[in-house]
């Protein structure tokens, strides 16, 4: 029995090193991943999720890159590179949540709803922002976000090899393109509310010019609030569909041109 255990020791050591190297990338990304890395999720749950993703990825990555099992001589290099790569991967996914937050803040400011229930959650967002973020994350989970993230990590090992720092020019170009796309996506999602606010303010100015004695602010404030809520009810399904399509497109081709 001891001989059998002695034969298992090298296999256990190799898989321990493999799991540790994979955990470096997954654990760093877990701090920023949508849904799984939210601040409202307890640290123990996030640690358990990181270990679960590591267990799932270990057989796949070990079969495609056996050299990771012998990472002990250059473990320090793997610690540095994998943490950097993991943070970069997590940040690129976190940008989609930030886009929803920006869109919600813009919509709330445009429709005079920015102070309603602001700061009710862990992150200080207006009500529209909370609705969009929670709904978007729920839809992402329903579309199989955990499976897409596993595929995302597997693909990352082909495009960002372990033990090598990403090229600065490539990483900078990737980051700039994704950040600009996130802001563009946020403006696209908030566009219906901004357009409605523009029409409302123009109409309010015309009414005020025609009837100076009328207190248009008292008449218009309830109208824009009600209109913003009605617009949210009507436009939210379409906006969230656009957001989930953008997230799915990124997960399927993370290094491609933003669409």
Protein backbone atom coordinates (compact mmCIF):
# COMPACT_ATOMS: atom_id res chain seq x y z
CA UNK A 1 0.00 0.00 0.00
CA UNK A 2 2.84 2.37 0.82
CA UNK A 3 4.42 1.61 -2.55
CA UNK A 4 1.17 2.53 -4.30
CA UNK A 5 0.98 5.76 -2.31
CA UNK A 6 4.60 6.55 -3.14
CA UNK A 7 3.79 6.18 -6.82
CA UNK A 8 0.89 8.60 -6.41
CA UNK A 9 3.01 11.31 -4.76
CA UNK A 10 4.56 12.66 -8.02
CA UNK A 11 1.10 12.73 -9.65
CA UNK A 12 -0.38 14.58 -6.67
CA UNK A 13 2.48 17.11 -6.65
CA UNK A 14 2.15 17.75 -10.38
CA UNK A 15 -1.59 18.31 -10.10
CA UNK A 16 -1.13 20.52 -7.04
CA UNK A 17 1.20 22.79 -9.00
CA UNK A 18 -1.15 22.75 -11.98
CA UNK A 19 -4.12 23.68 -9.81
CA UNK A 20 -2.17 26.43 -8.07
CA UNK A 21 -1.07 28.02 -11.35
CA UNK A 22 -4.63 27.91 -12.71
CA UNK A 23 -5.99 29.29 -9.43
CA UNK A 24 -3.70 32.31 -9.76
CA UNK A 25 -5.45 33.38 -12.98
CA UNK A 26 -8.94 32.38 -11.91
CA UNK A 27 -8.65 33.88 -8.43
CA UNK A 28 -7.43 37.22 -9.75
CA UNK A 29 -10.23 37.34 -12.30
CA UNK A 30 -12.82 36.31 -9.68
CA UNK A 31 -12.31 39.62 -7.88
CA UNK A 32 -13.82 41.43 -10.89
CA UNK A 33 -16.09 38.91 -12.64
CA UNK A 34 -19.74 39.90 -13.13
CA UNK A 35 -22.19 38.14 -10.79
CA UNK A 36 -19.57 35.91 -9.14
CA UNK A 37 -17.26 38.76 -8.10
CA UNK A 38 -19.86 41.25 -6.88
CA UNK A 39 -19.15 42.99 -3.58
CA UNK A 40 -22.43 41.67 -2.20
CA UNK A 41 -21.16 38.08 -2.58
CA UNK A 42 -19.33 36.95 0.61
CA UNK A 43 -15.60 36.34 0.31
CA UNK A 44 -16.01 32.70 1.31
CA UNK A 45 -18.43 32.14 -1.57
CA UNK A 46 -16.08 33.85 -4.03
CA UNK A 47 -13.19 31.70 -2.82
CA UNK A 48 -15.30 28.58 -3.22
CA UNK A 49 -16.30 29.62 -6.73
CA UNK A 50 -12.67 30.27 -7.65
CA UNK A 51 -11.72 26.79 -6.42
CA UNK A 52 -14.66 25.27 -8.32
CA UNK A 53 -13.60 26.94 -11.57
CA UNK A 54 -10.04 25.75 -10.91
CA UNK A 55 -11.18 22.15 -10.49
CA UNK A 56 -13.18 22.37 -13.73
CA UNK A 57 -10.33 23.94 -15.71
CA UNK A 58 -7.48 21.78 -14.37
CA UNK A 59 -8.19 18.65 -16.48
CA UNK A 60 -8.74 20.74 -19.62
CA UNK A 61 -5.66 22.93 -19.26
CA UNK A 62 -3.51 20.04 -18.04
CA UNK A 63 -4.33 18.04 -21.16
CA UNK A 64 -3.57 20.93 -23.53
CA UNK A 65 -0.50 22.27 -21.70
CA UNK A 66 1.29 19.52 -19.71
CA UNK A 67 4.22 21.87 -19.01
CA UNK A 68 2.14 23.63 -16.35
CA UNK A 69 2.42 20.58 -14.13
CA UNK A 70 6.18 21.24 -13.93
CA UNK A 71 5.89 24.94 -13.09
CA UNK A 72 7.81 24.62 -9.81
CA UNK A 73 11.20 25.90 -11.03
CA UNK A 74 9.62 29.12 -12.37
CA UNK A 75 6.75 29.45 -9.91
CA UNK A 76 7.59 33.10 -9.19
CA UNK A 77 7.22 33.99 -12.85
CA UNK A 78 3.86 32.23 -13.03
CA UNK A 79 2.64 34.08 -9.93
CA UNK A 80 3.41 37.45 -11.54
CA UNK A 81 2.12 36.71 -15.03
CA UNK A 82 -1.02 34.80 -14.08
CA UNK A 83 -2.20 37.44 -11.62
CA UNK A 84 -1.74 40.20 -14.22
CA UNK A 85 -3.56 38.19 -16.89
CA UNK A 86 -6.37 37.26 -14.49
CA UNK A 87 -6.93 40.88 -13.47
CA UNK A 88 -6.98 41.94 -17.13
CA UNK A 89 -9.55 39.25 -18.01
CA UNK A 90 -11.75 40.11 -15.06
CA UNK A 91 -11.58 43.83 -15.80
CA UNK A 92 -12.67 43.34 -19.41
CA UNK A 93 -15.76 41.48 -18.21
CA UNK A 94 -16.39 44.01 -15.44
CA UNK A 95 -16.62 46.72 -18.10
CA UNK A 96 -20.01 45.34 -19.14
CA UNK A 97 -21.37 45.88 -15.61
CA UNK A 98 -19.84 49.36 -15.58
CA UNK A 99 -21.62 50.09 -18.87
CA UNK A 100 -24.95 49.20 -17.25
CA UNK A 101 -24.12 51.39 -14.26
CA UNK A 102 -23.22 54.35 -16.48
CA UNK A 103 -26.37 53.87 -18.56
CA UNK A 104 -28.52 53.74 -15.42
CA UNK A 105 -26.93 56.89 -14.00
CA UNK A 106 -27.39 58.76 -17.29
CA UNK A 107 -31.01 57.65 -17.56
CA UNK A 108 -31.72 58.64 -13.96
CA UNK A 109 -30.15 62.07 -14.38
CA UNK A 110 -32.06 62.67 -17.61
CA UNK A 111 -35.43 61.74 -16.09
CA UNK A 112 -34.98 63.37 -12.64
CA UNK A 113 -34.87 59.98 -10.92
CA UNK A 114 -31.28 60.13 -9.73
CA UNK A 115 -32.15 60.70 -6.06
CA UNK A 116 -34.79 57.98 -5.72
CA UNK A 117 -33.38 55.10 -3.64
CA UNK A 118 -29.84 56.19 -4.47
CA UNK A 119 -27.25 54.27 -2.46
CA UNK A 120 -29.66 51.48 -1.53
CA UNK A 121 -27.16 48.78 -2.46
CA UNK A 122 -23.47 48.14 -1.98
CA UNK A 123 -22.62 50.52 -4.82
CA UNK A 124 -24.25 53.99 -4.76
CA UNK A 125 -26.48 53.75 -7.83
CA UNK A 126 -29.87 55.33 -8.56
CA UNK A 127 -32.93 53.14 -8.83
CA UNK A 128 -32.73 52.75 -12.62
CA UNK A 129 -29.10 51.69 -12.32
CA UNK A 130 -29.99 49.01 -9.75
CA UNK A 131 -32.80 47.70 -11.93
CA UNK A 132 -30.60 47.47 -15.01
CA UNK A 133 -27.60 45.93 -13.23
CA UNK A 134 -29.58 43.32 -11.29
CA UNK A 135 -31.68 42.43 -14.34
CA UNK A 136 -28.63 42.22 -16.60
CA UNK A 137 -26.73 39.96 -14.19
CA UNK A 138 -29.78 37.74 -13.78
CA UNK A 139 -30.13 37.40 -17.55
CA UNK A 140 -26.40 36.66 -17.85
CA UNK A 141 -26.73 33.79 -15.37
CA UNK A 142 -29.81 32.49 -17.20
CA UNK A 143 -27.89 32.40 -20.49
CA UNK A 144 -25.25 30.17 -18.88
CA UNK A 145 -22.65 32.68 -17.72
CA UNK A 146 -20.76 30.04 -15.73
CA UNK A 147 -20.27 27.91 -18.84
CA UNK A 148 -19.30 30.91 -20.95
CA UNK A 149 -16.72 31.93 -18.34
CA UNK A 150 -15.17 28.45 -18.39
CA UNK A 151 -14.90 28.68 -22.20
CA UNK A 152 -13.49 32.19 -21.79
CA UNK A 153 -10.74 30.95 -19.48
CA UNK A 154 -9.90 28.03 -21.75
CA UNK A 155 -9.62 30.37 -24.72
CA UNK A 156 -7.47 32.76 -22.70
CA UNK A 157 -4.79 30.09 -22.30
CA UNK A 158 -4.48 29.88 -26.08
CA UNK A 159 -4.31 33.64 -26.59
CA UNK A 160 -2.42 34.58 -23.40
CA UNK A 161 0.03 31.74 -22.68
CA UNK A 162 0.90 31.19 -19.02
CA UNK A 163 4.31 32.28 -17.85
CA UNK A 164 4.49 35.16 -20.34
CA UNK A 165 3.57 38.77 -19.71
CA UNK A 166 1.13 40.10 -22.33
CA UNK A 167 2.71 42.48 -24.82
CA UNK A 168 2.18 46.01 -23.55
CA UNK A 169 1.07 47.33 -26.92
CA UNK A 170 -1.43 44.50 -27.38
CA UNK A 171 -2.81 44.80 -23.86
CA UNK A 172 -3.09 48.60 -24.14
CA UNK A 173 -4.84 48.41 -27.51
CA UNK A 174 -7.20 45.73 -26.20
CA UNK A 175 -8.01 47.76 -23.10
CA UNK A 176 -8.59 51.01 -24.99
CA UNK A 177 -10.89 49.35 -27.52
CA UNK A 178 -12.94 47.60 -24.82
CA UNK A 179 -13.21 50.71 -22.62
CA UNK A 180 -14.34 52.86 -25.55
CA UNK A 181 -16.82 50.17 -26.53
CA UNK A 182 -18.18 50.03 -22.96
CA UNK A 183 -18.80 53.79 -22.96
CA UNK A 184 -20.41 53.57 -26.39
CA UNK A 185 -22.64 50.74 -25.17
CA UNK A 186 -23.63 52.78 -22.12
CA UNK A 187 -24.58 55.78 -24.26
CA UNK A 188 -26.56 53.50 -26.58
CA UNK A 189 -28.52 52.01 -23.67
CA UNK A 190 -29.24 55.43 -22.18
CA UNK A 191 -30.16 57.03 -25.54
CA UNK A 192 -33.98 56.60 -25.21
CA UNK A 193 -33.97 58.42 -21.86
CA UNK A 194 -31.67 61.19 -23.10
CA UNK A 195 -33.83 61.74 -26.19
CA UNK A 196 -37.01 61.79 -24.09
CA UNK A 197 -35.40 64.28 -21.71
CA UNK A 198 -34.38 66.51 -24.63
CA UNK A 199 -37.90 66.50 -26.06
CA UNK A 200 -39.34 67.19 -22.60
CA UNK A 201 -37.04 70.15 -21.94
CA UNK A 202 -37.65 71.65 -25.38
CA UNK A 203 -41.41 71.34 -24.92
CA UNK A 204 -41.15 72.81 -21.42
CA UNK A 205 -39.20 75.77 -22.78
CA UNK A 206 -41.80 76.41 -25.49
CA UNK A 207 -44.65 76.23 -22.96
CA UNK A 208 -42.81 78.56 -20.59
CA UNK A 209 -42.24 81.02 -23.43
CA UNK A 210 -45.87 80.92 -24.44
CA UNK A 211 -47.29 81.12 -20.91
CA UNK A 212 -44.75 82.82 -18.57
CA UNK A 213 -47.27 82.96 -15.73
CA UNK A 214 -47.56 79.15 -15.62
CA UNK A 215 -45.24 77.36 -13.16
CA UNK A 216 -44.07 74.82 -15.69
CA UNK A 217 -41.56 73.26 -13.30
CA UNK A 218 -44.34 72.09 -10.97
CA UNK A 219 -46.32 70.73 -13.88
CA UNK A 220 -43.39 69.17 -15.72
CA UNK A 221 -41.57 67.45 -12.82
CA UNK A 222 -44.26 64.78 -12.24
CA UNK A 223 -44.58 64.32 -16.00
CA UNK A 224 -40.89 63.57 -16.58
CA UNK A 225 -40.80 61.24 -13.56
CA UNK A 226 -43.82 59.28 -14.74
CA UNK A 227 -42.53 59.30 -18.31
CA UNK A 228 -39.16 57.98 -17.20
CA UNK A 229 -40.74 55.09 -15.32
CA UNK A 230 -43.02 54.24 -18.24
CA UNK A 231 -40.08 54.43 -20.65
CA UNK A 232 -38.06 52.13 -18.38
CA UNK A 233 -40.91 49.62 -18.35
CA UNK A 234 -41.17 49.67 -22.15
CA UNK A 235 -37.49 49.91 -23.11
CA UNK A 236 -35.79 47.74 -20.46
CA UNK A 237 -36.38 44.39 -22.26
CA UNK A 238 -34.86 45.73 -25.48
CA UNK A 239 -31.94 47.42 -23.69
CA UNK A 240 -31.10 44.27 -21.73
CA UNK A 241 -31.31 42.18 -24.90
CA UNK A 242 -28.74 44.49 -26.52
CA UNK A 243 -26.51 44.20 -23.45
CA UNK A 244 -26.68 40.40 -23.24
CA UNK A 245 -25.93 40.12 -26.96
CA UNK A 246 -22.87 42.33 -26.48
CA UNK A 247 -21.69 40.24 -23.52
CA UNK A 248 -22.21 36.98 -25.41
CA UNK A 249 -20.33 38.37 -28.41
CA UNK A 250 -17.38 39.31 -26.23
CA UNK A 251 -17.24 35.93 -24.49
CA UNK A 252 -17.28 34.13 -27.85
CA UNK A 253 -14.55 36.34 -29.34
CA UNK A 254 -12.84 38.33 -26.53
CA UNK A 255 -9.92 39.52 -28.65
CA UNK A 256 -11.91 40.36 -31.77
CA UNK A 257 -13.01 43.81 -32.83
CA UNK A 258 -15.90 45.13 -30.69
CA UNK A 259 -19.25 44.76 -32.45
